Amino acid sequence: MAKVAIVGSGFIGRAWAISFARAGHDVRMWDQAPAAASGARDYIAGVLGDLAANDLLRGQAVDTVLGRITIVEELGEALADAVHVQENTPENLEVKRDVFSRIDALSGPQAVIASSTSALLPSRFTDHLEGRHRCLVVHPINPPYLIPAAEVVPAPWTSAETVERTRAFLVEAGHAPLVMKRELDGFIMNRLQGALLEEAFRLVADGYASVEDVDTGLRDGLALRWSFMGPFETIDLNAPGGVRDYVERYQAIYSNIFPQMLRRVDWAGEVMETVEAERRKRLPREELGERQVWRDRRLMVLAAHKKKSDQEFGQ
């Protein structure tokens, strides 16, 4: 059982706490607002019951997992003897630089210091640190206790040992790390998601499809395959001779489409009136919270199914 520090107790911080506690680690959570940290533990207690009901606690009791999560009042107390620090403060560069300075000064040399940032490059908030070689980004897909993929993004000065330790730590905790070779704006996941969203907004803005048609195409089409294999494996299996055969057969289709995809639509512009109106017709604003709970419970069922399926098919 390793000691893990969670710095910041918002949605991402509390989700990481669940993931690491479920993996058997001693988790200490700190937030500059003590009431926020206490509220986070109450939230976690509520989620653990649903996870247990779907056999997603590795066979452990709710009280056992919850008992590994401790709220502390001082940052230094959270960092003492920690082997992994997961920072989850707001997406603000100056805040990150200040928090990482404090963590680097207070944590022991054995600690890897990871940020959950989804947008800031690690080089932008770790360049000034004495211990910058042990700093990197570990960006989750929320919530990480249900979605195993996590991006590992090194700064130019992050040591190879730090990257490997982080990768191994995540795998042991049940995650599927995406280890980038070097940092890049948007990392991997947001660049893939961004490409899809750009086309989704174009199709709606140009009057080719409704919002629901686009969602249906993903939900009841592409996503069914993508829920258990990625785009490269998909095309590798979609032609008799594999990936090279697929490219020889179909690349011309995408070459023809690509020039039409080079024009941006302003997501917040005129198209937003259409997108928001269609979404609010299907889901009133006051029901968003209830639907988010529904989403997470569906994800739990899917995660449980994938776990059973992976075991059955030897993945």
C-alpha atoms as a PDB file:
ATOM      1  CA  MET A   1       0.000   0.000   0.000  1.00  0.00           C
ATOM      2  CA  ALA A   2       1.566   3.263  -1.183  1.00  0.00           C
ATOM      3  CA  LYS A   3       0.735   6.722   0.083  1.00  0.00           C
ATOM      4  CA  VAL A   4      -0.927   9.003  -2.457  1.00  0.00           C
ATOM      5  CA  ALA A   5      -1.620  12.720  -2.075  1.00  0.00           C
ATOM      6  CA  ILE A   6      -4.625  14.336  -3.742  1.00  0.00           C
ATOM      7  CA  VAL A   7      -4.269  18.115  -4.010  1.00  0.00           C
ATOM      8  CA  GLY A   8      -7.628  19.702  -4.801  1.00  0.00           C
ATOM      9  CA  SER A   9     -10.941  17.959  -4.087  1.00  0.00           C
ATOM     10  CA  GLY A  10     -13.192  18.938  -6.979  1.00  0.00           C
ATOM     11  CA  PHE A  11     -14.790  16.445  -9.367  1.00  0.00           C
ATOM     12  CA  ILE A  12     -11.431  15.243 -10.696  1.00  0.00           C
ATOM     13  CA  GLY A  13      -9.661  15.095  -7.338  1.00  0.00           C
ATOM     14  CA  ARG A  14     -12.388  13.088  -5.643  1.00  0.00           C
ATOM     15  CA  ALA A  15     -12.596  10.748  -8.658  1.00  0.00           C
ATOM     16  CA  TRP A  16      -8.843  10.067  -8.475  1.00  0.00           C
ATOM     17  CA  ALA A  17      -9.213   9.421  -4.742  1.00  0.00           C
ATOM     18  CA  ILE A  18     -11.760   6.685  -5.468  1.00  0.00           C
ATOM     19  CA  SER A  19      -9.526   5.114  -8.089  1.00  0.00           C
ATOM     20  CA  PHE A  20      -6.381   5.064  -5.960  1.00  0.00           C
ATOM     21  CA  ALA A  21      -8.155   3.955  -2.768  1.00  0.00           C
ATOM     22  CA  ARG A  22      -9.821   1.129  -4.669  1.00  0.00           C
ATOM     23  CA  ALA A  23      -6.342   0.058  -5.800  1.00  0.00           C
ATOM     24  CA  GLY A  24      -5.344  -0.318  -2.139  1.00  0.00           C
ATOM     25  CA  HIS A  25      -3.466   2.930  -1.587  1.00  0.00           C
ATOM     26  CA  ASP A  26      -3.529   5.187   1.455  1.00  0.00           C
ATOM     27  CA  VAL A  27      -5.037   8.399   0.052  1.00  0.00           C
ATOM     28  CA  ARG A  28      -4.739  11.746   1.780  1.00  0.00           C
ATOM     29  CA  MET A  29      -6.773  14.571   0.326  1.00  0.00           C
ATOM     30  CA  TRP A  30      -6.085  18.257   0.839  1.00  0.00           C
ATOM     31  CA  ASP A  31      -7.914  21.322  -0.379  1.00  0.00           C
ATOM     32  CA  GLN A  32      -7.284  24.947   0.477  1.00  0.00           C
ATOM     33  CA  ALA A  33     -10.984  25.061   1.381  1.00  0.00           C
ATOM     34  CA  PRO A  34     -11.390  22.452   4.184  1.00  0.00           C
ATOM     35  CA  ALA A  35     -15.164  22.305   3.757  1.00  0.00           C
ATOM     36  CA  ALA A  36     -14.707  21.325   0.098  1.00  0.00           C
ATOM     37  CA  ALA A  37     -12.534  18.361   1.065  1.00  0.00           C
ATOM     38  CA  SER A  38     -15.029  17.165   3.664  1.00  0.00           C
ATOM     39  CA  GLY A  39     -17.843  17.459   1.137  1.00  0.00           C
ATOM     40  CA  ALA A  40     -15.776  15.457  -1.335  1.00  0.00           C
ATOM     41  CA  ARG A  41     -15.479  12.555   1.088  1.00  0.00           C
ATOM     42  CA  ASP A  42     -19.251  12.531   1.564  1.00  0.00           C
ATOM     43  CA  TYR A  43     -19.665  12.456  -2.215  1.00  0.00           C
ATOM     44  CA  ILE A  44     -17.202   9.579  -2.480  1.00  0.00           C
ATOM     45  CA  ALA A  45     -19.125   7.586   0.117  1.00  0.00           C
ATOM     46  CA  GLY A  46     -22.241   7.873  -2.041  1.00  0.00           C
ATOM     47  CA  VAL A  47     -20.465   6.743  -5.224  1.00  0.00           C
ATOM     48  CA  LEU A  48     -18.809   3.722  -3.638  1.00  0.00           C
ATOM     49  CA  GLY A  49     -22.144   2.033  -3.018  1.00  0.00           C
ATOM     50  CA  ASP A  50     -23.015   2.132  -6.715  1.00  0.00           C
ATOM     51  CA  LEU A  51     -19.558   0.833  -7.607  1.00  0.00           C
ATOM     52  CA  ALA A  52     -19.918  -2.056  -5.180  1.00  0.00           C
ATOM     53  CA  ALA A  53     -23.329  -2.929  -6.632  1.00  0.00           C
ATOM     54  CA  ASN A  54     -21.674  -3.284 -10.053  1.00  0.00           C
ATOM     55  CA  ASP A  55     -18.709  -5.290  -8.711  1.00  0.00           C
ATOM     56  CA  LEU A  56     -16.303  -2.437  -9.450  1.00  0.00           C
ATOM     57  CA  LEU A  57     -14.480  -2.310  -6.091  1.00  0.00           C
ATOM     58  CA  ARG A  58     -12.224  -5.307  -6.721  1.00  0.00           C
ATOM     59  CA  GLY A  59     -14.304  -7.374  -4.334  1.00  0.00           C
ATOM     60  CA  GLN A  60     -13.769  -4.959  -1.428  1.00  0.00           C
ATOM     61  CA  ALA A  61     -16.337  -3.548   0.972  1.00  0.00           C
ATOM     62  CA  VAL A  62     -17.368   0.089   0.724  1.00  0.00           C
ATOM     63  CA  ASP A  63     -16.100   0.846   4.241  1.00  0.00           C
ATOM     64  CA  THR A  64     -12.715  -0.688   3.426  1.00  0.00           C
ATOM     65  CA  VAL A  65     -12.166   1.569   0.427  1.00  0.00           C
ATOM     66  CA  LEU A  66     -13.594   4.648   2.129  1.00  0.00           C
ATOM     67  CA  GLY A  67     -11.391   3.991   5.151  1.00  0.00           C
ATOM     68  CA  ARG A  68      -8.291   4.522   3.013  1.00  0.00           C
ATOM     69  CA  ILE A  69      -9.274   8.139   2.240  1.00  0.00           C
ATOM     70  CA  THR A  70      -8.295  10.700   4.848  1.00  0.00           C
ATOM     71  CA  ILE A  71      -8.951  14.439   4.757  1.00  0.00           C
ATOM     72  CA  VAL A  72      -6.007  16.473   6.075  1.00  0.00           C
ATOM     73  CA  GLU A  73      -5.813  20.162   6.933  1.00  0.00           C
ATOM     74  CA  GLU A  74      -2.206  20.858   5.931  1.00  0.00           C
ATOM     75  CA  LEU A  75      -0.650  20.368   2.509  1.00  0.00           C
ATOM     76  CA  GLY A  76       2.552  19.084   4.086  1.00  0.00           C
ATOM     77  CA  GLU A  77       0.613  16.388   5.908  1.00  0.00           C
ATOM     78  CA  ALA A  78      -0.894  15.180   2.637  1.00  0.00           C
ATOM     79  CA  LEU A  79       2.513  15.100   0.956  1.00  0.00           C
ATOM     80  CA  ALA A  80       4.459  13.363   3.742  1.00  0.00           C
ATOM     81  CA  ASP A  81       5.912  10.077   2.419  1.00  0.00           C
ATOM     82  CA  ALA A  82       3.706  10.181  -0.693  1.00  0.00           C
ATOM     83  CA  VAL A  83       5.035   8.276  -3.699  1.00  0.00           C
ATOM     84  CA  HIS A  84       2.510   9.857  -6.061  1.00  0.00           C
ATOM     85  CA  VAL A  85       0.990  13.340  -5.915  1.00  0.00           C
ATOM     86  CA  GLN A  86      -2.025  14.132  -8.104  1.00  0.00           C
ATOM     87  CA  GLU A  87      -2.703  17.872  -8.413  1.00  0.00           C
ATOM     88  CA  ASN A  88      -6.223  18.968  -9.396  1.00  0.00           C
ATOM     89  CA  THR A  89      -6.371  22.756  -9.088  1.00  0.00           C
ATOM     90  CA  PRO A  90      -8.088  25.113 -11.590  1.00  0.00           C
ATOM     91  CA  GLU A  91      -6.865  25.471 -15.194  1.00  0.00           C
ATOM     92  CA  ASN A  92      -4.901  28.614 -14.413  1.00  0.00           C
ATOM     93  CA  LEU A  93      -1.213  28.817 -15.244  1.00  0.00           C
ATOM     94  CA  GLU A  94      -0.183  30.993 -12.305  1.00  0.00           C
ATOM     95  CA  VAL A  95      -2.122  28.817  -9.873  1.00  0.00           C
ATOM     96  CA  LYS A  96      -0.402  25.718 -11.253  1.00  0.00           C
ATOM     97  CA  ARG A  97       3.058  27.302 -10.996  1.00  0.00           C
ATOM     98  CA  ASP A  98       2.449  28.319  -7.411  1.00  0.00           C
ATOM     99  CA  VAL A  99       0.964  24.972  -6.346  1.00  0.00           C
ATOM    100  CA  PHE A 100       3.758  22.993  -8.018  1.00  0.00           C
ATOM    101  CA  SER A 101       6.343  25.177  -6.286  1.00  0.00           C
ATOM    102  CA  ARG A 102       4.781  24.348  -2.939  1.00  0.00           C
ATOM    103  CA  ILE A 103       4.473  20.645  -3.718  1.00  0.00           C
ATOM    104  CA  ASP A 104       8.064  20.406  -4.959  1.00  0.00           C
ATOM    105  CA  ALA A 105       9.350  22.095  -1.793  1.00  0.00           C
ATOM    106  CA  LEU A 106       7.255  20.040   0.655  1.00  0.00           C
ATOM    107  CA  SER A 107       7.256  16.552  -0.877  1.00  0.00           C
ATOM    108  CA  GLY A 108       9.999  13.976  -0.519  1.00  0.00           C
ATOM    109  CA  PRO A 109      12.369  13.141  -3.384  1.00  0.00           C
ATOM    110  CA  GLN A 110      10.575   9.814  -3.945  1.00  0.00           C
ATOM    111  CA  ALA A 111       7.339  11.493  -5.033  1.00  0.00           C
ATOM    112  CA  VAL A 112       6.180  11.769  -8.625  1.00  0.00           C
ATOM    113  CA  ILE A 113       4.247  15.019  -9.063  1.00  0.00           C
ATOM    114  CA  ALA A 114       1.443  14.780 -11.609  1.00  0.00           C
ATOM    115  CA  SER A 115      -1.105  17.329 -12.778  1.00  0.00           C
ATOM    116  CA  SER A 116      -4.601  16.484 -13.982  1.00  0.00           C
ATOM    117  CA  THR A 117      -4.631  19.491 -16.321  1.00  0.00           C
ATOM    118  CA  SER A 118      -6.476  18.928 -19.585  1.00  0.00           C
ATOM    119  CA  ALA A 119      -4.987  21.904 -21.438  1.00  0.00           C
ATOM    120  CA  LEU A 120      -1.746  23.263 -19.967  1.00  0.00           C
ATOM    121  CA  LEU A 121       1.564  21.842 -21.167  1.00  0.00           C
ATOM    122  CA  PRO A 122       3.705  20.594 -18.261  1.00  0.00           C
ATOM    123  CA  SER A 123       6.680  22.658 -19.448  1.00  0.00           C
ATOM    124  CA  ARG A 124       4.703  25.837 -18.744  1.00  0.00           C
ATOM    125  CA  PHE A 125       4.362  25.294 -14.984  1.00  0.00           C
ATOM    126  CA  THR A 126       7.378  23.141 -14.043  1.00  0.00           C
ATOM    127  CA  ASP A 127      10.328  24.869 -15.741  1.00  0.00           C
ATOM    128  CA  HIS A 128      11.300  26.775 -12.580  1.00  0.00           C
ATOM    129  CA  LEU A 129      11.361  23.804 -10.204  1.00  0.00           C
ATOM    130  CA  GLU A 130      14.415  22.144  -8.714  1.00  0.00           C
ATOM    131  CA  GLY A 131      12.612  18.814  -8.958  1.00  0.00           C
ATOM    132  CA  ARG A 132      11.188  19.358 -12.426  1.00  0.00           C
ATOM    133  CA  HIS A 133      12.534  15.986 -13.586  1.00  0.00           C
ATOM    134  CA  ARG A 134       9.797  14.266 -11.516  1.00  0.00           C
ATOM    135  CA  CYS A 135       6.912  16.379 -12.843  1.00  0.00           C
ATOM    136  CA  LEU A 136       4.483  15.528 -15.627  1.00  0.00           C
ATOM    137  CA  VAL A 137       0.803  15.499 -16.566  1.00  0.00           C
ATOM    138  CA  VAL A 138      -1.532  12.583 -15.870  1.00  0.00           C
ATOM    139  CA  HIS A 139      -4.764  13.671 -17.519  1.00  0.00           C
ATOM    140  CA  PRO A 140      -7.789  11.441 -16.840  1.00  0.00           C
ATOM    141  CA  ILE A 141     -10.981  10.979 -18.770  1.00  0.00           C
ATOM    142  CA  ASN A 142     -13.569  11.811 -16.137  1.00  0.00           C
ATOM    143  CA  PRO A 143     -14.442   9.923 -14.047  1.00  0.00           C
ATOM    144  CA  PRO A 144     -11.207   7.880 -13.873  1.00  0.00           C
ATOM    145  CA  TYR A 145     -12.739   5.249 -11.583  1.00  0.00           C
ATOM    146  CA  LEU A 146     -14.968   4.274 -14.542  1.00  0.00           C
ATOM    147  CA  ILE A 147     -12.901   5.227 -17.597  1.00  0.00           C
ATOM    148  CA  PRO A 148      -9.426   3.687 -17.378  1.00  0.00           C
ATOM    149  CA  ALA A 149      -7.607   5.700 -20.064  1.00  0.00           C
ATOM    150  CA  ALA A 150      -5.231   8.347 -18.687  1.00  0.00           C
ATOM    151  CA  GLU A 151      -2.727  10.448 -20.637  1.00  0.00           C
ATOM    152  CA  VAL A 152       0.860  10.548 -19.393  1.00  0.00           C
ATOM    153  CA  VAL A 153       2.497  13.677 -20.788  1.00  0.00           C
ATOM    154  CA  PRO A 154       6.148  14.452 -19.976  1.00  0.00           C
ATOM    155  CA  ALA A 155       7.794  17.858 -20.080  1.00  0.00           C
ATOM    156  CA  PRO A 156      11.081  18.056 -22.019  1.00  0.00           C
ATOM    157  CA  TRP A 157      12.967  17.541 -18.747  1.00  0.00           C
ATOM    158  CA  THR A 158      10.812  14.796 -17.208  1.00  0.00           C
ATOM    159  CA  SER A 159      13.053  11.810 -16.570  1.00  0.00           C
ATOM    160  CA  ALA A 160      12.429   8.482 -18.298  1.00  0.00           C
ATOM    161  CA  GLU A 161      12.323   6.885 -14.837  1.00  0.00           C
ATOM    162  CA  THR A 162       9.473   9.182 -13.798  1.00  0.00           C
ATOM    163  CA  VAL A 163       7.485   8.330 -16.914  1.00  0.00           C
ATOM    164  CA  GLU A 164       7.979   4.600 -16.420  1.00  0.00           C
ATOM    165  CA  ARG A 165       7.161   4.733 -12.709  1.00  0.00           C
ATOM    166  CA  THR A 166       3.982   6.627 -13.495  1.00  0.00           C
ATOM    167  CA  ARG A 167       2.970   4.221 -16.242  1.00  0.00           C
ATOM    168  CA  ALA A 168       3.503   1.203 -13.976  1.00  0.00           C
ATOM    169  CA  PHE A 169       1.680   2.893 -11.080  1.00  0.00           C
ATOM    170  CA  LEU A 170      -1.365   3.583 -13.264  1.00  0.00           C
ATOM    171  CA  VAL A 171      -1.446   0.062 -14.688  1.00  0.00           C
ATOM    172  CA  GLU A 172      -1.329  -1.410 -11.176  1.00  0.00           C
ATOM    173  CA  ALA A 173      -4.260   0.826 -10.226  1.00  0.00           C
ATOM    174  CA  GLY A 174      -6.313  -0.512 -13.122  1.00  0.00           C
ATOM    175  CA  HIS A 175      -5.736   2.278 -15.631  1.00  0.00           C
ATOM    176  CA  ALA A 176      -4.804   2.190 -19.304  1.00  0.00           C
ATOM    177  CA  PRO A 177      -2.072   4.830 -19.695  1.00  0.00           C
ATOM    178  CA  LEU A 178      -1.453   6.616 -22.987  1.00  0.00           C
ATOM    179  CA  VAL A 179       2.243   7.494 -22.754  1.00  0.00           C
ATOM    180  CA  MET A 180       3.096  10.420 -25.016  1.00  0.00           C
ATOM    181  CA  LYS A 181       6.614  10.686 -26.369  1.00  0.00           C
ATOM    182  CA  ARG A 182       6.584  14.455 -25.938  1.00  0.00           C
ATOM    183  CA  GLU A 183       4.130  17.210 -25.015  1.00  0.00           C
ATOM    184  CA  LEU A 184       1.675  18.676 -27.519  1.00  0.00           C
ATOM    185  CA  ASP A 185      -1.266  21.078 -27.222  1.00  0.00           C
ATOM    186  CA  GLY A 186      -4.439  19.119 -26.515  1.00  0.00           C
ATOM    187  CA  PHE A 187      -2.475  15.930 -25.773  1.00  0.00           C
ATOM    188  CA  ILE A 188      -4.049  12.910 -27.539  1.00  0.00           C
ATOM    189  CA  MET A 189      -7.634  12.685 -26.310  1.00  0.00           C
ATOM    190  CA  ASN A 190      -8.668  16.320 -26.776  1.00  0.00           C
ATOM    191  CA  ARG A 191      -7.151  16.367 -30.255  1.00  0.00           C
ATOM    192  CA  LEU A 192      -9.172  13.299 -31.242  1.00  0.00           C
ATOM    193  CA  GLN A 193     -12.317  14.593 -29.578  1.00  0.00           C
ATOM    194  CA  GLY A 194     -11.749  18.046 -31.048  1.00  0.00           C
ATOM    195  CA  ALA A 195     -11.542  16.690 -34.592  1.00  0.00           C
ATOM    196  CA  LEU A 196     -14.864  14.906 -34.105  1.00  0.00           C
ATOM    197  CA  LEU A 197     -16.553  17.937 -32.528  1.00  0.00           C
ATOM    198  CA  GLU A 198     -15.346  20.222 -35.319  1.00  0.00           C
ATOM    199  CA  GLU A 199     -17.077  18.030 -37.896  1.00  0.00           C
ATOM    200  CA  ALA A 200     -20.186  17.634 -35.713  1.00  0.00           C
ATOM    201  CA  PHE A 201     -20.626  21.412 -35.480  1.00  0.00           C
ATOM    202  CA  ARG A 202     -19.984  21.813 -39.235  1.00  0.00           C
ATOM    203  CA  LEU A 203     -22.635  19.239 -40.149  1.00  0.00           C
ATOM    204  CA  VAL A 204     -25.224  21.011 -37.988  1.00  0.00           C
ATOM    205  CA  ALA A 205     -24.207  24.557 -38.953  1.00  0.00           C
ATOM    206  CA  ASP A 206     -24.336  23.773 -42.676  1.00  0.00           C
ATOM    207  CA  GLY A 207     -27.750  22.129 -42.414  1.00  0.00           C
ATOM    208  CA  TYR A 208     -26.736  18.569 -43.273  1.00  0.00           C
ATOM    209  CA  ALA A 209     -27.847  16.903 -40.031  1.00  0.00           C
ATOM    210  CA  SER A 210     -29.636  17.538 -36.767  1.00  0.00           C
ATOM    211  CA  VAL A 211     -27.908  17.413 -33.401  1.00  0.00           C
ATOM    212  CA  GLU A 212     -29.674  14.136 -32.635  1.00  0.00           C
ATOM    213  CA  ASP A 213     -28.667  12.619 -35.989  1.00  0.00           C
ATOM    214  CA  VAL A 214     -25.021  13.280 -35.177  1.00  0.00           C
ATOM    215  CA  ASP A 215     -25.405  11.846 -31.676  1.00  0.00           C
ATOM    216  CA  THR A 216     -27.183   8.796 -33.092  1.00  0.00           C
ATOM    217  CA  GLY A 217     -24.379   8.204 -35.566  1.00  0.00           C
ATOM    218  CA  LEU A 218     -21.873   8.015 -32.737  1.00  0.00           C
ATOM    219  CA  ARG A 219     -24.010   6.386 -30.056  1.00  0.00           C
ATOM    220  CA  ASP A 220     -25.570   3.695 -32.244  1.00  0.00           C
ATOM    221  CA  GLY A 221     -22.825   3.478 -34.845  1.00  0.00           C
ATOM    222  CA  LEU A 222     -19.138   4.221 -34.483  1.00  0.00           C
ATOM    223  CA  ALA A 223     -19.069   4.125 -30.685  1.00  0.00           C
ATOM    224  CA  LEU A 224     -20.197   0.512 -30.550  1.00  0.00           C
ATOM    225  CA  ARG A 225     -16.931  -0.581 -32.128  1.00  0.00           C
ATOM    226  CA  TRP A 226     -14.895   2.144 -30.457  1.00  0.00           C
ATOM    227  CA  SER A 227     -16.032   0.969 -27.026  1.00  0.00           C
ATOM    228  CA  PHE A 228     -13.690  -2.013 -27.298  1.00  0.00           C
ATOM    229  CA  MET A 229     -11.196  -1.160 -30.058  1.00  0.00           C
ATOM    230  CA  GLY A 230      -9.600   1.950 -31.496  1.00  0.00           C
ATOM    231  CA  PRO A 231      -9.633   3.472 -34.998  1.00  0.00           C
ATOM    232  CA  PHE A 232      -6.488   1.725 -36.203  1.00  0.00           C
ATOM    233  CA  GLU A 233      -7.727  -1.709 -35.152  1.00  0.00           C
ATOM    234  CA  THR A 234     -11.125  -0.870 -36.629  1.00  0.00           C
ATOM    235  CA  ILE A 235      -9.725  -0.247 -40.103  1.00  0.00           C
ATOM    236  CA  ASP A 236      -7.316  -3.166 -39.758  1.00  0.00           C
ATOM    237  CA  LEU A 237     -10.368  -5.438 -39.407  1.00  0.00           C
ATOM    238  CA  ASN A 238     -12.492  -3.675 -42.028  1.00  0.00           C
ATOM    239  CA  ALA A 239     -10.591  -4.875 -45.098  1.00  0.00           C
ATOM    240  CA  PRO A 240      -9.671  -8.449 -46.056  1.00  0.00           C
ATOM    241  CA  GLY A 241      -5.951  -7.695 -46.145  1.00  0.00           C
ATOM    242  CA  GLY A 242      -5.775  -5.509 -43.045  1.00  0.00           C
ATOM    243  CA  VAL A 243      -4.777  -1.903 -42.545  1.00  0.00           C
ATOM    244  CA  ARG A 244      -2.740  -1.495 -45.759  1.00  0.00           C
ATOM    245  CA  ASP A 245      -5.576  -2.976 -47.801  1.00  0.00           C
ATOM    246  CA  TYR A 246      -8.040  -0.597 -46.121  1.00  0.00           C
ATOM    247  CA  VAL A 247      -5.911   2.436 -46.987  1.00  0.00           C
ATOM    248  CA  GLU A 248      -5.516   1.321 -50.604  1.00  0.00           C
ATOM    249  CA  ARG A 249      -9.267   0.833 -50.912  1.00  0.00           C
ATOM    250  CA  TYR A 250     -10.622   3.843 -49.039  1.00  0.00           C
ATOM    251  CA  GLN A 251      -8.046   6.598 -48.647  1.00  0.00           C
ATOM    252  CA  ALA A 252      -9.386   8.385 -51.739  1.00  0.00           C
ATOM    253  CA  ILE A 253     -12.750   8.873 -50.007  1.00  0.00           C
ATOM    254  CA  TYR A 254     -11.125  10.737 -47.127  1.00  0.00           C
ATOM    255  CA  SER A 255      -8.757  12.635 -49.414  1.00  0.00           C
ATOM    256  CA  ASN A 256     -11.831  14.004 -51.193  1.00  0.00           C
ATOM    257  CA  ILE A 257     -13.534  14.950 -47.926  1.00  0.00           C
ATOM    258  CA  PHE A 258     -10.529  16.536 -46.223  1.00  0.00           C
ATOM    259  CA  PRO A 259     -10.515  19.930 -48.068  1.00  0.00           C
ATOM    260  CA  GLN A 260     -14.125  20.408 -46.958  1.00  0.00           C
ATOM    261  CA  MET A 261     -13.050  19.964 -43.334  1.00  0.00           C
ATOM    262  CA  LEU A 262     -10.539  22.815 -43.237  1.00  0.00           C
ATOM    263  CA  ARG A 263     -13.134  25.513 -42.445  1.00  0.00           C
ATOM    264  CA  ARG A 264     -13.964  26.175 -38.797  1.00  0.00           C
ATOM    265  CA  VAL A 265     -17.437  26.903 -37.494  1.00  0.00           C
ATOM    266  CA  ASP A 266     -17.584  29.131 -34.414  1.00  0.00           C
ATOM    267  CA  TRP A 267     -19.128  26.836 -31.814  1.00  0.00           C
ATOM    268  CA  ALA A 268     -20.396  29.834 -29.849  1.00  0.00           C
ATOM    269  CA  GLY A 269     -21.795  31.543 -32.947  1.00  0.00           C
ATOM    270  CA  GLU A 270     -25.102  31.158 -34.775  1.00  0.00           C
ATOM    271  CA  VAL A 271     -24.949  27.352 -34.689  1.00  0.00           C
ATOM    272  CA  MET A 272     -25.141  27.387 -30.890  1.00  0.00           C
ATOM    273  CA  GLU A 273     -28.737  28.584 -31.092  1.00  0.00           C
ATOM    274  CA  THR A 274     -29.600  25.399 -32.993  1.00  0.00           C
ATOM    275  CA  VAL A 275     -27.501  23.076 -30.850  1.00  0.00           C
ATOM    276  CA  GLU A 276     -28.776  24.434 -27.556  1.00  0.00           C
ATOM    277  CA  ALA A 277     -32.410  24.535 -28.677  1.00  0.00           C
ATOM    278  CA  GLU A 278     -32.305  20.902 -29.825  1.00  0.00           C
ATOM    279  CA  ARG A 279     -30.533  19.726 -26.679  1.00  0.00           C
ATOM    280  CA  ARG A 280     -32.857  21.622 -24.317  1.00  0.00           C
ATOM    281  CA  LYS A 281     -35.866  20.194 -26.163  1.00  0.00           C
ATOM    282  CA  ARG A 282     -34.592  16.695 -25.454  1.00  0.00           C
ATOM    283  CA  LEU A 283     -33.251  17.499 -21.972  1.00  0.00           C
ATOM    284  CA  PRO A 284     -34.451  20.540 -19.987  1.00  0.00           C
ATOM    285  CA  ARG A 285     -31.711  22.401 -18.158  1.00  0.00           C
ATOM    286  CA  GLU A 286     -33.139  21.534 -14.740  1.00  0.00           C
ATOM    287  CA  GLU A 287     -32.713  17.817 -15.529  1.00  0.00           C
ATOM    288  CA  LEU A 288     -29.009  17.998 -16.366  1.00  0.00           C
ATOM    289  CA  GLY A 289     -27.893  16.847 -12.910  1.00  0.00           C
ATOM    290  CA  GLU A 290     -30.230  13.867 -12.944  1.00  0.00           C
ATOM    291  CA  ARG A 291     -29.010  12.901 -16.405  1.00  0.00           C
ATOM    292  CA  GLN A 292     -25.380  13.119 -15.270  1.00  0.00           C
ATOM    293  CA  VAL A 293     -26.131  10.586 -12.545  1.00  0.00           C
ATOM    294  CA  TRP A 294     -27.825   8.401 -15.194  1.00  0.00           C
ATOM    295  CA  ARG A 295     -24.703   8.703 -17.379  1.00  0.00           C
ATOM    296  CA  ASP A 296     -22.382   7.606 -14.579  1.00  0.00           C
ATOM    297  CA  ARG A 297     -24.571   4.634 -13.699  1.00  0.00           C
ATOM    298  CA  ARG A 298     -24.660   3.593 -17.347  1.00  0.00           C
ATOM    299  CA  LEU A 299     -20.883   3.879 -17.402  1.00  0.00           C
ATOM    300  CA  MET A 300     -20.726   1.618 -14.355  1.00  0.00           C
ATOM    301  CA  VAL A 301     -22.811  -1.024 -16.129  1.00  0.00           C
ATOM    302  CA  LEU A 302     -20.630  -0.682 -19.229  1.00  0.00           C
ATOM    303  CA  ALA A 303     -17.436  -0.901 -17.178  1.00  0.00           C
ATOM    304  CA  ALA A 304     -18.705  -4.036 -15.450  1.00  0.00           C
ATOM    305  CA  HIS A 305     -19.642  -5.554 -18.806  1.00  0.00           C
ATOM    306  CA  LYS A 306     -16.261  -4.720 -20.344  1.00  0.00           C
ATOM    307  CA  LYS A 307     -14.495  -6.220 -17.333  1.00  0.00           C
ATOM    308  CA  LYS A 308     -16.433  -9.472 -17.700  1.00  0.00           C
ATOM    309  CA  SER A 309     -16.004  -9.464 -21.473  1.00  0.00           C
ATOM    310  CA  ASP A 310     -12.242  -8.863 -21.265  1.00  0.00           C
ATOM    311  CA  GLN A 311     -11.918 -11.786 -18.868  1.00  0.00           C
ATOM    312  CA  GLU A 312     -14.016 -14.024 -21.123  1.00  0.00           C
ATOM    313  CA  PHE A 313     -12.105 -13.163 -24.283  1.00  0.00           C
ATOM    314  CA  GLY A 314      -8.692 -13.009 -22.625  1.00  0.00           C
ATOM    315  CA  GLN A 315      -8.010  -9.340 -23.230  1.00  0.00           C
END
